[in-house]
């Protein structure tokens, strides 16, 4: 999902299972899809550091020979469309069927599929790049290594992963988000821990950026760029 601030916080709840997290996150974004799309339709402004990161990511993919790119946790496809405008052969995938419906409406020339980012439908080494733009926040920290192993699996050698997330070390449960009553689980993530999860999966860290909160944001924002080493197995 896209990188706005986290919804208003509620007190932490008891332990939840991975199945409950997936179910609740899917239901929350299905419920709030239209209002969420309205919120993020402004996209990422030209000249911002986040726009520069997306441009850099696109240029790295093209310089590496190009190939298919997946926007995992694409939401209504706003950033997927931006990557297409930057010349990438991009497709989106999201857990929420309603989000995918809206993405297909807004970007009928692009491919969008329903599915979990932890179990992607792509073949081994199929992708030249993966964007996980504020979508890893719904994966518990202890599940991040497995998530990055899956991203490593679908990437070709030399492929890149660009991530963005809310920085910190906290579990947040929201019962109201984007104007709707929902049950939404999210985590503020430590950039060091995300980097460790990625390197344990076999990635090299190329870039780390943390920015102070701006506007509506309550927490620092972080972005990391990883590369699957070239020359290894697909």
C-alpha atoms as a PDB file:
ATOM      1  CA  UNK A   1       0.000   0.000   0.000  1.00  0.00           C
ATOM      2  CA  UNK A   2       1.069   3.538  -0.527  1.00  0.00           C
ATOM      3  CA  UNK A   3       3.139   5.713   1.735  1.00  0.00           C
ATOM      4  CA  UNK A   4       0.834   8.044   3.592  1.00  0.00           C
ATOM      5  CA  UNK A   5       1.057   8.255   7.363  1.00  0.00           C
ATOM      6  CA  UNK A   6      -0.291   5.436   9.468  1.00  0.00           C
ATOM      7  CA  UNK A   7      -3.947   5.712  10.516  1.00  0.00           C
ATOM      8  CA  UNK A   8      -4.753   6.888  14.058  1.00  0.00           C
ATOM      9  CA  UNK A   9      -3.352   4.485  16.619  1.00  0.00           C
ATOM     10  CA  UNK A  10      -5.168   2.318  19.061  1.00  0.00           C
ATOM     11  CA  UNK A  11      -3.609   0.514  21.967  1.00  0.00           C
ATOM     12  CA  UNK A  12      -1.795  -2.678  21.105  1.00  0.00           C
ATOM     13  CA  UNK A  13      -3.880  -5.837  20.949  1.00  0.00           C
ATOM     14  CA  UNK A  14      -2.971  -9.378  21.840  1.00  0.00           C
ATOM     15  CA  UNK A  15      -0.990 -11.682  19.587  1.00  0.00           C
ATOM     16  CA  UNK A  16      -2.530 -12.314  16.191  1.00  0.00           C
ATOM     17  CA  UNK A  17      -1.737 -15.062  13.725  1.00  0.00           C
ATOM     18  CA  UNK A  18      -0.363 -14.531  10.239  1.00  0.00           C
ATOM     19  CA  UNK A  19      -3.690 -15.707   8.812  1.00  0.00           C
ATOM     20  CA  UNK A  20      -5.579 -13.135  10.883  1.00  0.00           C
ATOM     21  CA  UNK A  21      -3.227 -10.369   9.772  1.00  0.00           C
ATOM     22  CA  UNK A  22      -3.693 -11.210   6.092  1.00  0.00           C
ATOM     23  CA  UNK A  23      -7.461 -11.487   6.486  1.00  0.00           C
ATOM     24  CA  UNK A  24      -7.758  -8.203   8.374  1.00  0.00           C
ATOM     25  CA  UNK A  25      -5.457  -6.247   6.048  1.00  0.00           C
ATOM     26  CA  UNK A  26      -7.323  -7.517   2.968  1.00  0.00           C
ATOM     27  CA  UNK A  27     -10.681  -6.627   4.490  1.00  0.00           C
ATOM     28  CA  UNK A  28      -9.489  -3.190   5.632  1.00  0.00           C
ATOM     29  CA  UNK A  29      -8.242  -2.154   2.205  1.00  0.00           C
ATOM     30  CA  UNK A  30     -11.257  -3.658   0.443  1.00  0.00           C
ATOM     31  CA  UNK A  31     -13.468  -1.551   2.709  1.00  0.00           C
ATOM     32  CA  UNK A  32     -11.488   1.681   2.373  1.00  0.00           C
ATOM     33  CA  UNK A  33     -10.358   1.307  -1.248  1.00  0.00           C
ATOM     34  CA  UNK A  34     -12.245   4.233  -2.819  1.00  0.00           C
ATOM     35  CA  UNK A  35     -11.339   6.708  -0.072  1.00  0.00           C
ATOM     36  CA  UNK A  36      -7.749   5.471  -0.052  1.00  0.00           C
ATOM     37  CA  UNK A  37      -7.511   6.016  -3.810  1.00  0.00           C
ATOM     38  CA  UNK A  38      -8.788   9.586  -3.396  1.00  0.00           C
ATOM     39  CA  UNK A  39      -6.158  10.208  -0.723  1.00  0.00           C
ATOM     40  CA  UNK A  40      -3.188   8.997  -2.778  1.00  0.00           C
ATOM     41  CA  UNK A  41      -4.206  10.108  -6.250  1.00  0.00           C
ATOM     42  CA  UNK A  42      -1.992  13.164  -5.931  1.00  0.00           C
ATOM     43  CA  UNK A  43       0.908  10.776  -6.297  1.00  0.00           C
ATOM     44  CA  UNK A  44       4.499  11.657  -5.437  1.00  0.00           C
ATOM     45  CA  UNK A  45       5.410  15.229  -6.270  1.00  0.00           C
ATOM     46  CA  UNK A  46       8.085  15.954  -8.836  1.00  0.00           C
ATOM     47  CA  UNK A  47      11.326  17.105  -7.294  1.00  0.00           C
ATOM     48  CA  UNK A  48      10.849  15.308  -3.975  1.00  0.00           C
ATOM     49  CA  UNK A  49      13.379  12.836  -2.644  1.00  0.00           C
ATOM     50  CA  UNK A  50      10.858  10.012  -3.093  1.00  0.00           C
ATOM     51  CA  UNK A  51      10.302  10.896  -6.737  1.00  0.00           C
ATOM     52  CA  UNK A  52      14.085  10.919  -7.157  1.00  0.00           C
ATOM     53  CA  UNK A  53      14.306   7.452  -5.614  1.00  0.00           C
ATOM     54  CA  UNK A  54      11.725   6.083  -8.056  1.00  0.00           C
ATOM     55  CA  UNK A  55      13.555   7.680 -10.998  1.00  0.00           C
ATOM     56  CA  UNK A  56      16.854   6.219  -9.785  1.00  0.00           C
ATOM     57  CA  UNK A  57      15.249   2.788  -9.393  1.00  0.00           C
ATOM     58  CA  UNK A  58      13.832   2.943 -12.926  1.00  0.00           C
ATOM     59  CA  UNK A  59      17.161   4.039 -14.363  1.00  0.00           C
ATOM     60  CA  UNK A  60      18.972   1.177 -12.624  1.00  0.00           C
ATOM     61  CA  UNK A  61      16.499  -1.357 -14.050  1.00  0.00           C
ATOM     62  CA  UNK A  62      16.901   0.049 -17.562  1.00  0.00           C
ATOM     63  CA  UNK A  63      20.699   0.204 -17.254  1.00  0.00           C
ATOM     64  CA  UNK A  64      20.695  -3.465 -16.230  1.00  0.00           C
ATOM     65  CA  UNK A  65      18.979  -4.436 -19.479  1.00  0.00           C
ATOM     66  CA  UNK A  66      15.366  -3.921 -18.459  1.00  0.00           C
ATOM     67  CA  UNK A  67      12.738  -6.572 -17.983  1.00  0.00           C
ATOM     68  CA  UNK A  68       9.509  -6.975 -16.025  1.00  0.00           C
ATOM     69  CA  UNK A  69       9.094  -5.122 -12.737  1.00  0.00           C
ATOM     70  CA  UNK A  70       6.509  -5.829 -10.016  1.00  0.00           C
ATOM     71  CA  UNK A  71       4.947  -3.216  -7.751  1.00  0.00           C
ATOM     72  CA  UNK A  72       4.034  -5.442  -4.789  1.00  0.00           C
ATOM     73  CA  UNK A  73       1.314  -4.018  -2.565  1.00  0.00           C
ATOM     74  CA  UNK A  74       0.383  -1.667  -5.394  1.00  0.00           C
ATOM     75  CA  UNK A  75      -2.935  -0.472  -3.970  1.00  0.00           C
ATOM     76  CA  UNK A  76      -4.900   1.487  -6.606  1.00  0.00           C
ATOM     77  CA  UNK A  77      -1.865   1.577  -8.905  1.00  0.00           C
ATOM     78  CA  UNK A  78      -0.827   5.212  -8.541  1.00  0.00           C
ATOM     79  CA  UNK A  79       2.903   4.491  -8.303  1.00  0.00           C
ATOM     80  CA  UNK A  80       2.612   1.584 -10.742  1.00  0.00           C
ATOM     81  CA  UNK A  81       1.474   4.143 -13.295  1.00  0.00           C
ATOM     82  CA  UNK A  82       4.399   6.403 -12.428  1.00  0.00           C
ATOM     83  CA  UNK A  83       6.860   3.583 -13.046  1.00  0.00           C
ATOM     84  CA  UNK A  84       5.214   2.872 -16.400  1.00  0.00           C
ATOM     85  CA  UNK A  85       5.614   6.545 -17.305  1.00  0.00           C
ATOM     86  CA  UNK A  86       9.314   6.175 -16.459  1.00  0.00           C
ATOM     87  CA  UNK A  87       9.577   3.500 -19.145  1.00  0.00           C
ATOM     88  CA  UNK A  88       9.354   0.307 -17.087  1.00  0.00           C
ATOM     89  CA  UNK A  89       7.506  -2.865 -18.057  1.00  0.00           C
ATOM     90  CA  UNK A  90       5.623  -2.854 -14.763  1.00  0.00           C
ATOM     91  CA  UNK A  91       2.736  -4.823 -13.327  1.00  0.00           C
ATOM     92  CA  UNK A  92       1.050  -4.530  -9.926  1.00  0.00           C
ATOM     93  CA  UNK A  93      -0.016  -7.068  -7.324  1.00  0.00           C
ATOM     94  CA  UNK A  94      -2.056  -6.466  -4.194  1.00  0.00           C
ATOM     95  CA  UNK A  95      -3.787  -8.496  -1.497  1.00  0.00           C
ATOM     96  CA  UNK A  96      -7.009  -6.491  -1.870  1.00  0.00           C
ATOM     97  CA  UNK A  97      -9.316  -7.477  -4.755  1.00  0.00           C
ATOM     98  CA  UNK A  98     -11.079  -4.108  -4.572  1.00  0.00           C
ATOM     99  CA  UNK A  99      -7.789  -2.233  -4.848  1.00  0.00           C
ATOM    100  CA  UNK A 100      -6.955  -4.261  -7.947  1.00  0.00           C
ATOM    101  CA  UNK A 101     -10.364  -3.448  -9.458  1.00  0.00           C
ATOM    102  CA  UNK A 102      -9.668   0.263  -9.024  1.00  0.00           C
ATOM    103  CA  UNK A 103      -6.134  -0.070 -10.389  1.00  0.00           C
ATOM    104  CA  UNK A 104      -7.461  -1.784 -13.518  1.00  0.00           C
ATOM    105  CA  UNK A 105     -10.067   0.966 -13.960  1.00  0.00           C
ATOM    106  CA  UNK A 106      -7.485   3.737 -13.678  1.00  0.00           C
ATOM    107  CA  UNK A 107      -4.710   2.011 -15.653  1.00  0.00           C
ATOM    108  CA  UNK A 108      -6.386  -0.317 -18.179  1.00  0.00           C
ATOM    109  CA  UNK A 109      -3.163  -0.621 -20.184  1.00  0.00           C
ATOM    110  CA  UNK A 110      -1.270  -2.213 -17.267  1.00  0.00           C
ATOM    111  CA  UNK A 111      -1.469  -5.676 -15.707  1.00  0.00           C
ATOM    112  CA  UNK A 112      -2.726  -6.028 -12.133  1.00  0.00           C
ATOM    113  CA  UNK A 113      -3.166  -9.264 -10.170  1.00  0.00           C
ATOM    114  CA  UNK A 114      -4.600 -10.187  -6.782  1.00  0.00           C
ATOM    115  CA  UNK A 115      -2.182 -12.001  -4.510  1.00  0.00           C
ATOM    116  CA  UNK A 116      -0.004 -11.897  -1.397  1.00  0.00           C
ATOM    117  CA  UNK A 117       3.469 -10.403  -1.613  1.00  0.00           C
ATOM    118  CA  UNK A 118       4.798 -13.247   0.557  1.00  0.00           C
ATOM    119  CA  UNK A 119       3.896 -15.850  -2.102  1.00  0.00           C
ATOM    120  CA  UNK A 120       4.225 -14.253  -5.527  1.00  0.00           C
ATOM    121  CA  UNK A 121       3.052 -15.973  -8.694  1.00  0.00           C
ATOM    122  CA  UNK A 122       6.201 -15.106 -10.640  1.00  0.00           C
ATOM    123  CA  UNK A 123       8.776 -17.688 -11.586  1.00  0.00           C
ATOM    124  CA  UNK A 124      12.298 -17.925 -10.232  1.00  0.00           C
ATOM    125  CA  UNK A 125      14.432 -15.076 -11.582  1.00  0.00           C
ATOM    126  CA  UNK A 126      11.551 -13.695 -13.675  1.00  0.00           C
ATOM    127  CA  UNK A 127      11.732 -10.057 -12.590  1.00  0.00           C
ATOM    128  CA  UNK A 128      14.264  -7.291 -13.197  1.00  0.00           C
ATOM    129  CA  UNK A 129      12.984  -5.214 -10.275  1.00  0.00           C
ATOM    130  CA  UNK A 130      10.563  -5.123  -7.361  1.00  0.00           C
ATOM    131  CA  UNK A 131       9.034  -2.072  -5.731  1.00  0.00           C
ATOM    132  CA  UNK A 132       7.720  -2.598  -2.187  1.00  0.00           C
ATOM    133  CA  UNK A 133       6.590   0.965  -1.468  1.00  0.00           C
ATOM    134  CA  UNK A 134       5.197   1.221   2.058  1.00  0.00           C
ATOM    135  CA  UNK A 135       3.711  -2.264   1.660  1.00  0.00           C
ATOM    136  CA  UNK A 136       6.084  -4.216   3.925  1.00  0.00           C
ATOM    137  CA  UNK A 137       4.621  -2.416   6.968  1.00  0.00           C
ATOM    138  CA  UNK A 138       1.853  -5.012   7.199  1.00  0.00           C
ATOM    139  CA  UNK A 139       4.360  -7.875   7.608  1.00  0.00           C
ATOM    140  CA  UNK A 140       5.520  -8.548  11.188  1.00  0.00           C
ATOM    141  CA  UNK A 141       9.250  -8.031  11.776  1.00  0.00           C
ATOM    142  CA  UNK A 142       9.805 -11.751  12.397  1.00  0.00           C
ATOM    143  CA  UNK A 143       8.318 -12.514   8.953  1.00  0.00           C
ATOM    144  CA  UNK A 144      10.504  -9.999   7.089  1.00  0.00           C
ATOM    145  CA  UNK A 145      13.357 -12.472   6.376  1.00  0.00           C
ATOM    146  CA  UNK A 146      10.928 -14.879   4.674  1.00  0.00           C
ATOM    147  CA  UNK A 147       9.428 -11.989   2.703  1.00  0.00           C
ATOM    148  CA  UNK A 148      12.828 -10.949   1.403  1.00  0.00           C
ATOM    149  CA  UNK A 149      13.670 -14.539   0.508  1.00  0.00           C
ATOM    150  CA  UNK A 150      10.580 -14.529  -1.696  1.00  0.00           C
ATOM    151  CA  UNK A 151      11.625 -11.257  -3.337  1.00  0.00           C
ATOM    152  CA  UNK A 152      15.113 -12.700  -3.864  1.00  0.00           C
ATOM    153  CA  UNK A 153      13.575 -15.782  -5.500  1.00  0.00           C
ATOM    154  CA  UNK A 154      11.626 -13.870  -8.152  1.00  0.00           C
ATOM    155  CA  UNK A 155      14.477 -11.491  -9.035  1.00  0.00           C
ATOM    156  CA  UNK A 156      17.025 -12.160 -11.753  1.00  0.00           C
ATOM    157  CA  UNK A 157      20.684 -11.754 -10.782  1.00  0.00           C
ATOM    158  CA  UNK A 158      21.520  -8.050 -10.777  1.00  0.00           C
ATOM    159  CA  UNK A 159      17.870  -7.120 -10.124  1.00  0.00           C
ATOM    160  CA  UNK A 160      16.896  -4.392  -7.665  1.00  0.00           C
ATOM    161  CA  UNK A 161      14.387  -4.031  -4.840  1.00  0.00           C
ATOM    162  CA  UNK A 162      13.326  -0.583  -3.623  1.00  0.00           C
ATOM    163  CA  UNK A 163      11.472  -0.443  -0.312  1.00  0.00           C
ATOM    164  CA  UNK A 164       9.826   2.326   1.682  1.00  0.00           C
ATOM    165  CA  UNK A 165       8.343   2.138   5.169  1.00  0.00           C
ATOM    166  CA  UNK A 166       7.587   3.963   8.406  1.00  0.00           C
ATOM    167  CA  UNK A 167      10.718   3.852  10.568  1.00  0.00           C
ATOM    168  CA  UNK A 168      10.605   2.840  14.217  1.00  0.00           C
ATOM    169  CA  UNK A 169      10.046  -0.178  16.408  1.00  0.00           C
ATOM    170  CA  UNK A 170       6.364  -0.451  17.258  1.00  0.00           C
ATOM    171  CA  UNK A 171       3.246  -2.475  16.508  1.00  0.00           C
ATOM    172  CA  UNK A 172       0.208  -0.355  15.628  1.00  0.00           C
ATOM    173  CA  UNK A 173      -3.367  -1.595  15.476  1.00  0.00           C
ATOM    174  CA  UNK A 174      -5.966   0.763  13.987  1.00  0.00           C
ATOM    175  CA  UNK A 175      -9.705   0.291  14.366  1.00  0.00           C
ATOM    176  CA  UNK A 176     -10.535   3.305  12.167  1.00  0.00           C
ATOM    177  CA  UNK A 177      -8.661   4.183   8.975  1.00  0.00           C
ATOM    178  CA  UNK A 178      -9.359   6.242   5.866  1.00  0.00           C
ATOM    179  CA  UNK A 179     -12.850   7.066   7.146  1.00  0.00           C
ATOM    180  CA  UNK A 180     -13.902   3.473   7.878  1.00  0.00           C
ATOM    181  CA  UNK A 181     -14.102   1.097  10.823  1.00  0.00           C
ATOM    182  CA  UNK A 182     -11.510  -1.600  10.159  1.00  0.00           C
ATOM    183  CA  UNK A 183      -8.965  -3.807  11.897  1.00  0.00           C
ATOM    184  CA  UNK A 184      -5.608  -2.870  10.415  1.00  0.00           C
ATOM    185  CA  UNK A 185      -2.273  -4.235  11.619  1.00  0.00           C
ATOM    186  CA  UNK A 186       0.969  -2.379  10.863  1.00  0.00           C
ATOM    187  CA  UNK A 187       4.523  -2.173  12.133  1.00  0.00           C
ATOM    188  CA  UNK A 188       7.034   0.646  12.346  1.00  0.00           C
ATOM    189  CA  UNK A 189      10.219  -1.039  11.152  1.00  0.00           C
ATOM    190  CA  UNK A 190      13.846  -0.528  12.076  1.00  0.00           C
ATOM    191  CA  UNK A 191      15.963   0.254   8.986  1.00  0.00           C
ATOM    192  CA  UNK A 192      18.771  -1.824  10.507  1.00  0.00           C
ATOM    193  CA  UNK A 193      16.453  -4.812  10.950  1.00  0.00           C
ATOM    194  CA  UNK A 194      15.049  -4.478   7.429  1.00  0.00           C
ATOM    195  CA  UNK A 195      18.599  -4.338   6.072  1.00  0.00           C
ATOM    196  CA  UNK A 196      19.507  -7.451   8.078  1.00  0.00           C
ATOM    197  CA  UNK A 197      16.453  -9.301   6.792  1.00  0.00           C
ATOM    198  CA  UNK A 198      17.382  -8.433   3.213  1.00  0.00           C
ATOM    199  CA  UNK A 199      21.069  -9.307   3.538  1.00  0.00           C
ATOM    200  CA  UNK A 200      20.182 -12.620   5.207  1.00  0.00           C
ATOM    201  CA  UNK A 201      18.137 -13.382   2.075  1.00  0.00           C
ATOM    202  CA  UNK A 202      21.176 -12.718  -0.122  1.00  0.00           C
ATOM    203  CA  UNK A 203      20.769  -9.033  -1.080  1.00  0.00           C
ATOM    204  CA  UNK A 204      23.408  -6.320  -1.116  1.00  0.00           C
ATOM    205  CA  UNK A 205      22.433  -2.962   0.405  1.00  0.00           C
ATOM    206  CA  UNK A 206      23.063  -0.133  -2.063  1.00  0.00           C
ATOM    207  CA  UNK A 207      21.266   2.806  -0.478  1.00  0.00           C
ATOM    208  CA  UNK A 208      19.749   3.806   2.872  1.00  0.00           C
ATOM    209  CA  UNK A 209      17.742   6.969   3.437  1.00  0.00           C
ATOM    210  CA  UNK A 210      15.782   8.187   6.464  1.00  0.00           C
ATOM    211  CA  UNK A 211      13.804  11.426   6.445  1.00  0.00           C
ATOM    212  CA  UNK A 212      12.217  13.365   9.292  1.00  0.00           C
ATOM    213  CA  UNK A 213       8.403  13.491   9.515  1.00  0.00           C
ATOM    214  CA  UNK A 214       6.766  16.081   7.270  1.00  0.00           C
ATOM    215  CA  UNK A 215       3.203  17.344   7.037  1.00  0.00           C
ATOM    216  CA  UNK A 216       0.764  14.747   8.366  1.00  0.00           C
ATOM    217  CA  UNK A 217       3.513  12.219   9.069  1.00  0.00           C
ATOM    218  CA  UNK A 218       4.128  11.321  12.692  1.00  0.00           C
ATOM    219  CA  UNK A 219       7.187   9.116  12.199  1.00  0.00           C
ATOM    220  CA  UNK A 220      10.451   9.160  10.263  1.00  0.00           C
ATOM    221  CA  UNK A 221      10.250   7.559   6.842  1.00  0.00           C
ATOM    222  CA  UNK A 222      12.877   5.171   5.495  1.00  0.00           C
ATOM    223  CA  UNK A 223      13.806   3.819   2.098  1.00  0.00           C
ATOM    224  CA  UNK A 224      16.354   1.148   1.253  1.00  0.00           C
ATOM    225  CA  UNK A 225      17.598  -0.078  -2.122  1.00  0.00           C
ATOM    226  CA  UNK A 226      18.860  -3.647  -2.477  1.00  0.00           C
ATOM    227  CA  UNK A 227      20.420  -5.612  -5.317  1.00  0.00           C
ATOM    228  CA  UNK A 228      20.562  -9.333  -5.945  1.00  0.00           C
ATOM    229  CA  UNK A 229      24.234  -9.942  -6.708  1.00  0.00           C
ATOM    230  CA  UNK A 230      24.894 -10.361 -10.418  1.00  0.00           C
ATOM    231  CA  UNK A 231      26.295 -13.582 -11.724  1.00  0.00           C
ATOM    232  CA  UNK A 232      24.662 -15.835  -9.142  1.00  0.00           C
ATOM    233  CA  UNK A 233      21.856 -18.321  -9.660  1.00  0.00           C
ATOM    234  CA  UNK A 234      18.473 -16.958 -10.796  1.00  0.00           C
END
